[in-house]
Amino acid sequence: MATENPAAPKAPRKPRAPKAASPVATTETTAEVAAAPKKKPAAPRKTAAAKKSPAPAAVEPSPPAIVAEEAEVAPVFATAPLSTEERIRLAAYRRYEARGFVAGDPLQDWVEAEREVSRQHA
């Protein structure tokens, strides 16, 4: 186990900066503080939003996507067929909608929707 030699010269220490006076330890009076010269407020910093960007070029409106003759024909999309449960759920919701979204018996709506879907597939 090595021990330090107390006779060996030590590296010189750097002088420490004086500590700032704490506000509690000051002896200044309120009048002295008020009479002290005031610092000039810092100028506001410019932010990225303050920078001016060049104005965007004028954009011409694009022509309408659907022409009058094409508007009469509904587009055909390939969709996956609905499952039986999805058809029943949709039929039950349509019953609720036809009732004006007034509370009713959701079980009865479901049973009638099941009958309706089974009749359509029979």
C-alpha atoms as a PDB file:
ATOM      1  CA  MET A   1       0.000   0.000   0.000  1.00  0.00           C
ATOM      2  CA  ALA A   2       1.593   3.277  -1.082  1.00  0.00           C
ATOM      3  CA  THR A   3       1.393   6.372   1.084  1.00  0.00           C
ATOM      4  CA  GLU A   4       1.942   9.951   0.017  1.00  0.00           C
ATOM      5  CA  ASN A   5       5.144  11.644   1.113  1.00  0.00           C
ATOM      6  CA  PRO A   6       4.159  14.664   3.239  1.00  0.00           C
ATOM      7  CA  ALA A   7       7.438  16.366   2.353  1.00  0.00           C
ATOM      8  CA  ALA A   8       6.766  16.228  -1.411  1.00  0.00           C
ATOM      9  CA  PRO A   9       5.913  19.606  -2.937  1.00  0.00           C
ATOM     10  CA  LYS A  10       2.246  20.070  -3.834  1.00  0.00           C
ATOM     11  CA  ALA A  11       0.988  21.717  -6.991  1.00  0.00           C
ATOM     12  CA  PRO A  12       0.028  25.347  -6.446  1.00  0.00           C
ATOM     13  CA  ARG A  13      -3.699  25.949  -6.014  1.00  0.00           C
ATOM     14  CA  LYS A  14      -5.642  28.285  -8.251  1.00  0.00           C
ATOM     15  CA  PRO A  15      -7.107  31.283  -6.455  1.00  0.00           C
ATOM     16  CA  ARG A  16     -10.858  31.015  -5.957  1.00  0.00           C
ATOM     17  CA  ALA A  17     -13.254  33.639  -7.225  1.00  0.00           C
ATOM     18  CA  PRO A  18     -14.893  35.648  -4.454  1.00  0.00           C
ATOM     19  CA  LYS A  19     -18.376  34.470  -3.552  1.00  0.00           C
ATOM     20  CA  ALA A  20     -21.291  36.665  -4.513  1.00  0.00           C
ATOM     21  CA  ALA A  21     -22.943  38.379  -1.615  1.00  0.00           C
ATOM     22  CA  SER A  22     -26.219  36.799  -0.639  1.00  0.00           C
ATOM     23  CA  PRO A  23     -29.254  39.098  -0.555  1.00  0.00           C
ATOM     24  CA  VAL A  24     -29.838  38.248   3.100  1.00  0.00           C
ATOM     25  CA  ALA A  25     -26.344  39.369   4.180  1.00  0.00           C
ATOM     26  CA  THR A  26     -26.504  42.850   2.584  1.00  0.00           C
ATOM     27  CA  THR A  27     -26.681  45.966   4.687  1.00  0.00           C
ATOM     28  CA  GLU A  28     -28.029  48.227   1.946  1.00  0.00           C
ATOM     29  CA  THR A  29     -31.161  50.135   2.730  1.00  0.00           C
ATOM     30  CA  THR A  30     -34.119  50.396   0.434  1.00  0.00           C
ATOM     31  CA  ALA A  31     -33.173  54.002  -0.379  1.00  0.00           C
ATOM     32  CA  GLU A  32     -29.646  52.962  -1.385  1.00  0.00           C
ATOM     33  CA  VAL A  33     -31.018  50.236  -3.629  1.00  0.00           C
ATOM     34  CA  ALA A  34     -33.482  52.659  -5.233  1.00  0.00           C
ATOM     35  CA  ALA A  35     -30.726  55.259  -5.780  1.00  0.00           C
ATOM     36  CA  ALA A  36     -28.360  52.741  -7.396  1.00  0.00           C
ATOM     37  CA  PRO A  37     -28.012  53.100 -11.169  1.00  0.00           C
ATOM     38  CA  LYS A  38     -30.376  50.771 -12.971  1.00  0.00           C
ATOM     39  CA  LYS A  39     -29.269  48.411 -15.689  1.00  0.00           C
ATOM     40  CA  LYS A  40     -30.501  49.012 -19.189  1.00  0.00           C
ATOM     41  CA  PRO A  41     -33.028  46.315 -20.155  1.00  0.00           C
ATOM     42  CA  ALA A  42     -31.756  43.850 -22.706  1.00  0.00           C
ATOM     43  CA  ALA A  43     -32.995  44.220 -26.262  1.00  0.00           C
ATOM     44  CA  PRO A  44     -35.566  41.593 -27.242  1.00  0.00           C
ATOM     45  CA  ARG A  45     -34.098  38.634 -29.044  1.00  0.00           C
ATOM     46  CA  LYS A  46     -35.142  37.858 -32.553  1.00  0.00           C
ATOM     47  CA  THR A  47     -36.835  34.513 -32.902  1.00  0.00           C
ATOM     48  CA  ALA A  48     -37.206  32.305 -35.920  1.00  0.00           C
ATOM     49  CA  ALA A  49     -40.776  33.554 -36.327  1.00  0.00           C
ATOM     50  CA  ALA A  50     -39.549  37.144 -36.531  1.00  0.00           C
ATOM     51  CA  LYS A  51     -37.461  36.402 -39.617  1.00  0.00           C
ATOM     52  CA  LYS A  52     -39.146  37.292 -42.841  1.00  0.00           C
ATOM     53  CA  SER A  53     -39.399  34.552 -45.407  1.00  0.00           C
ATOM     54  CA  PRO A  54     -39.966  35.206 -49.085  1.00  0.00           C
ATOM     55  CA  ALA A  55     -43.600  35.362 -50.120  1.00  0.00           C
ATOM     56  CA  PRO A  56     -44.850  32.122 -51.699  1.00  0.00           C
ATOM     57  CA  ALA A  57     -45.409  32.169 -55.407  1.00  0.00           C
ATOM     58  CA  ALA A  58     -48.991  32.580 -56.551  1.00  0.00           C
ATOM     59  CA  VAL A  59     -50.629  29.198 -57.038  1.00  0.00           C
ATOM     60  CA  GLU A  60     -53.164  28.775 -59.765  1.00  0.00           C
ATOM     61  CA  PRO A  61     -56.282  26.848 -58.768  1.00  0.00           C
ATOM     62  CA  SER A  62     -56.337  23.341 -60.157  1.00  0.00           C
ATOM     63  CA  PRO A  63     -59.208  22.292 -62.407  1.00  0.00           C
ATOM     64  CA  PRO A  64     -62.048  20.401 -60.729  1.00  0.00           C
ATOM     65  CA  ALA A  65     -61.273  16.715 -60.285  1.00  0.00           C
ATOM     66  CA  ILE A  66     -64.696  15.566 -61.531  1.00  0.00           C
ATOM     67  CA  VAL A  67     -66.174  16.757 -64.789  1.00  0.00           C
ATOM     68  CA  ALA A  68     -69.954  17.214 -64.994  1.00  0.00           C
ATOM     69  CA  GLU A  69     -70.417  14.164 -67.256  1.00  0.00           C
ATOM     70  CA  GLU A  70     -68.346  11.981 -64.911  1.00  0.00           C
ATOM     71  CA  ALA A  71     -70.243  13.140 -61.807  1.00  0.00           C
ATOM     72  CA  GLU A  72     -73.281  11.058 -62.780  1.00  0.00           C
ATOM     73  CA  VAL A  73     -71.314   7.791 -62.624  1.00  0.00           C
ATOM     74  CA  ALA A  74     -70.463   6.638 -59.112  1.00  0.00           C
ATOM     75  CA  PRO A  75     -66.931   5.323 -58.735  1.00  0.00           C
ATOM     76  CA  VAL A  76     -66.602   1.619 -58.091  1.00  0.00           C
ATOM     77  CA  PHE A  77     -64.279   0.612 -55.279  1.00  0.00           C
ATOM     78  CA  ALA A  78     -63.199  -2.907 -54.520  1.00  0.00           C
ATOM     79  CA  THR A  79     -64.228  -3.603 -50.930  1.00  0.00           C
ATOM     80  CA  ALA A  80     -64.113  -6.746 -48.901  1.00  0.00           C
ATOM     81  CA  PRO A  81     -67.531  -8.271 -48.293  1.00  0.00           C
ATOM     82  CA  LEU A  82     -69.031  -7.613 -44.871  1.00  0.00           C
ATOM     83  CA  SER A  83     -69.134 -10.448 -42.404  1.00  0.00           C
ATOM     84  CA  THR A  84     -72.503 -11.633 -41.097  1.00  0.00           C
ATOM     85  CA  GLU A  85     -71.895  -9.968 -37.745  1.00  0.00           C
ATOM     86  CA  GLU A  86     -71.030  -6.651 -39.457  1.00  0.00           C
ATOM     87  CA  ARG A  87     -74.243  -6.852 -41.529  1.00  0.00           C
ATOM     88  CA  ILE A  88     -76.291  -7.513 -38.360  1.00  0.00           C
ATOM     89  CA  ARG A  89     -74.589  -4.647 -36.548  1.00  0.00           C
ATOM     90  CA  LEU A  90     -75.298  -2.302 -39.483  1.00  0.00           C
ATOM     91  CA  ALA A  91     -78.944  -3.405 -39.697  1.00  0.00           C
ATOM     92  CA  ALA A  92     -79.406  -2.875 -35.944  1.00  0.00           C
ATOM     93  CA  TYR A  93     -77.858   0.591 -36.206  1.00  0.00           C
ATOM     94  CA  ARG A  94     -80.192   1.464 -39.096  1.00  0.00           C
ATOM     95  CA  ARG A  95     -83.174   0.519 -36.903  1.00  0.00           C
ATOM     96  CA  TYR A  96     -81.824   2.807 -34.158  1.00  0.00           C
ATOM     97  CA  GLU A  97     -81.303   5.549 -36.744  1.00  0.00           C
ATOM     98  CA  ALA A  98     -84.834   5.117 -38.170  1.00  0.00           C
ATOM     99  CA  ARG A  99     -86.199   5.488 -34.634  1.00  0.00           C
ATOM    100  CA  GLY A 100     -84.554   8.933 -34.472  1.00  0.00           C
ATOM    101  CA  PHE A 101     -81.734   7.802 -32.148  1.00  0.00           C
ATOM    102  CA  VAL A 102     -84.259   7.524 -29.330  1.00  0.00           C
ATOM    103  CA  ALA A 103     -83.431   4.969 -26.657  1.00  0.00           C
ATOM    104  CA  GLY A 104     -85.112   1.635 -27.224  1.00  0.00           C
ATOM    105  CA  ASP A 105     -84.314  -2.010 -26.685  1.00  0.00           C
ATOM    106  CA  PRO A 106     -80.920  -2.733 -28.284  1.00  0.00           C
ATOM    107  CA  LEU A 107     -81.385  -6.490 -27.832  1.00  0.00           C
ATOM    108  CA  GLN A 108     -84.668  -6.359 -29.737  1.00  0.00           C
ATOM    109  CA  ASP A 109     -82.981  -4.317 -32.503  1.00  0.00           C
ATOM    110  CA  TRP A 110     -80.234  -6.957 -32.706  1.00  0.00           C
ATOM    111  CA  VAL A 111     -82.664  -9.889 -32.876  1.00  0.00           C
ATOM    112  CA  GLU A 112     -84.722  -8.235 -35.612  1.00  0.00           C
ATOM    113  CA  ALA A 113     -81.525  -7.350 -37.503  1.00  0.00           C
ATOM    114  CA  GLU A 114     -80.443 -11.021 -37.323  1.00  0.00           C
ATOM    115  CA  ARG A 115     -83.785 -12.097 -38.787  1.00  0.00           C
ATOM    116  CA  GLU A 116     -83.516  -9.479 -41.542  1.00  0.00           C
ATOM    117  CA  VAL A 117     -79.964 -10.571 -42.506  1.00  0.00           C
ATOM    118  CA  SER A 118     -80.867 -14.278 -42.449  1.00  0.00           C
ATOM    119  CA  ARG A 119     -83.881 -13.574 -44.745  1.00  0.00           C
ATOM    120  CA  GLN A 120     -81.642 -11.723 -47.196  1.00  0.00           C
ATOM    121  CA  HIS A 121     -79.247 -14.679 -47.445  1.00  0.00           C
ATOM    122  CA  ALA A 122     -81.895 -17.429 -47.606  1.00  0.00           C
END
